């Protein structure tokens, strides 16, 4: 255990360096985006400014990393791996190698920070200036709300960019079922979360604010909300009827036409082409939607039930988050991702196989770490409560996708939106459609879920 702690401690400064740089970038992007959107007078303009915010939140970090790495392969000016110099004071080298991983983390978390700062600036009313004290307090509370999830996401980015941090050692230990390494990292990770939360508790008090503006819409969904609802209904119907819609079975290999390389869309009757093993991409996409959405729905249902019971029986809803708790319901459970990996590694070590990682087990694991995020939604039941549940389902979907991409989710040959991207990464250069198709579906699903969640939460403010 002492050797594991020493290994984790050695990489801890690099992890802190990456996470802090990403947080600063995310706060800058979020504050600017939130301020501009909050000061927009026309409801139509404010709604339009919400689109890039929603899109950023709908981009999973691992998917952004995959796409950016592909792009940077043709732009060698930006390093995509490691650190060239071991000298801690070689600032130029470290900054150049931080560009790509910081950008990957800043895009989605900047969007989440934008949501939090939008509510902060909106609640400030029409004041021309916000006090420095209040703004610093909001930065500290944003760190408390988003910091743990961002730290968990940085763990995923480190091995992709060969960043010499503790997260890379942790993921290597988990993949090798080194439970001592996992325990050592989780010990330091938990201490980091406590310190981050302490920043929020010690934040300067927020001055008394003006009453918030009335919401732009009270009962009816906006145009983008209606579109999102239609997309979700269509996706649910397609997932349920996947076996009827799919042209062939998701496990059928087209050996008559497949010659070792993915077939392009339209070839040999495959509408979206085939994946790397010659199986119909459309069929696997439909069944993968059913798997992933089913896990997300079940996890959200179980977590909501637990959260409702806790809020009602113990009346401790106020213990689980502050003013911005409900706004970030759709990302807060992501902070538990390292614990999820450790739990899965423990199960695999005990059972000696990954066969037990079925959709039901994954849904229950996600629900077990997600329920505290929904407790604040039951302080006052209404549309905002429903919005929190939808956001929770979105985060459950995000967690399933991330687990599957990391090899600790739904196991092949059963398709899911996440594991469809695993083997496809090696073929992206000459068969981009096998990555593009599931990526588009993932982004659209998350975009639609977060849109509905925001609409319901806004309706709850009336």
Foldseek 3Di string as FASTA:
>chain_A
DVVLLVLQVVQAVLLCVLLVLLLVLLLVLQLVLLQVLLPDDDPVVNVVSLQQLLLLQLAFLVLLLLVVVVVCVVVVQQAQADFPDPDPPPVVRVVSLSVSSSVSLNRNSSSLSNLQNNVVNQQQPPDPDADPLQVQLSSLQSLLQCVLLSSLSSLVRCVRRVRSHSSVVCLVCLVVLVLVSLVSNVVVSVVVSVVSNVSNVPRGDHPDHDGGDAFPDAPDADPVLVVLVVVVVVLVVLLVCLVVPDPDAQPDAPPVPDDQAWAPAPPPNQNRTGARRRGRLSSLLSPQSNLLLVLLLLLLVLLQVVLVCCCVVVVVLPVLDDDCLLSVLLRRLSSCLSVLSSVLSVVCVVVVDLPVQASVVLSNSSSVSRNSSLNNCVPPDFLLSVLSSLSSSLNSSSSQLVCLLSVSHHDPPRHHLNVLQNVRSVVCVPHVSSVVVSSVVSSSNSSSSNSSSVRSNSNVVD
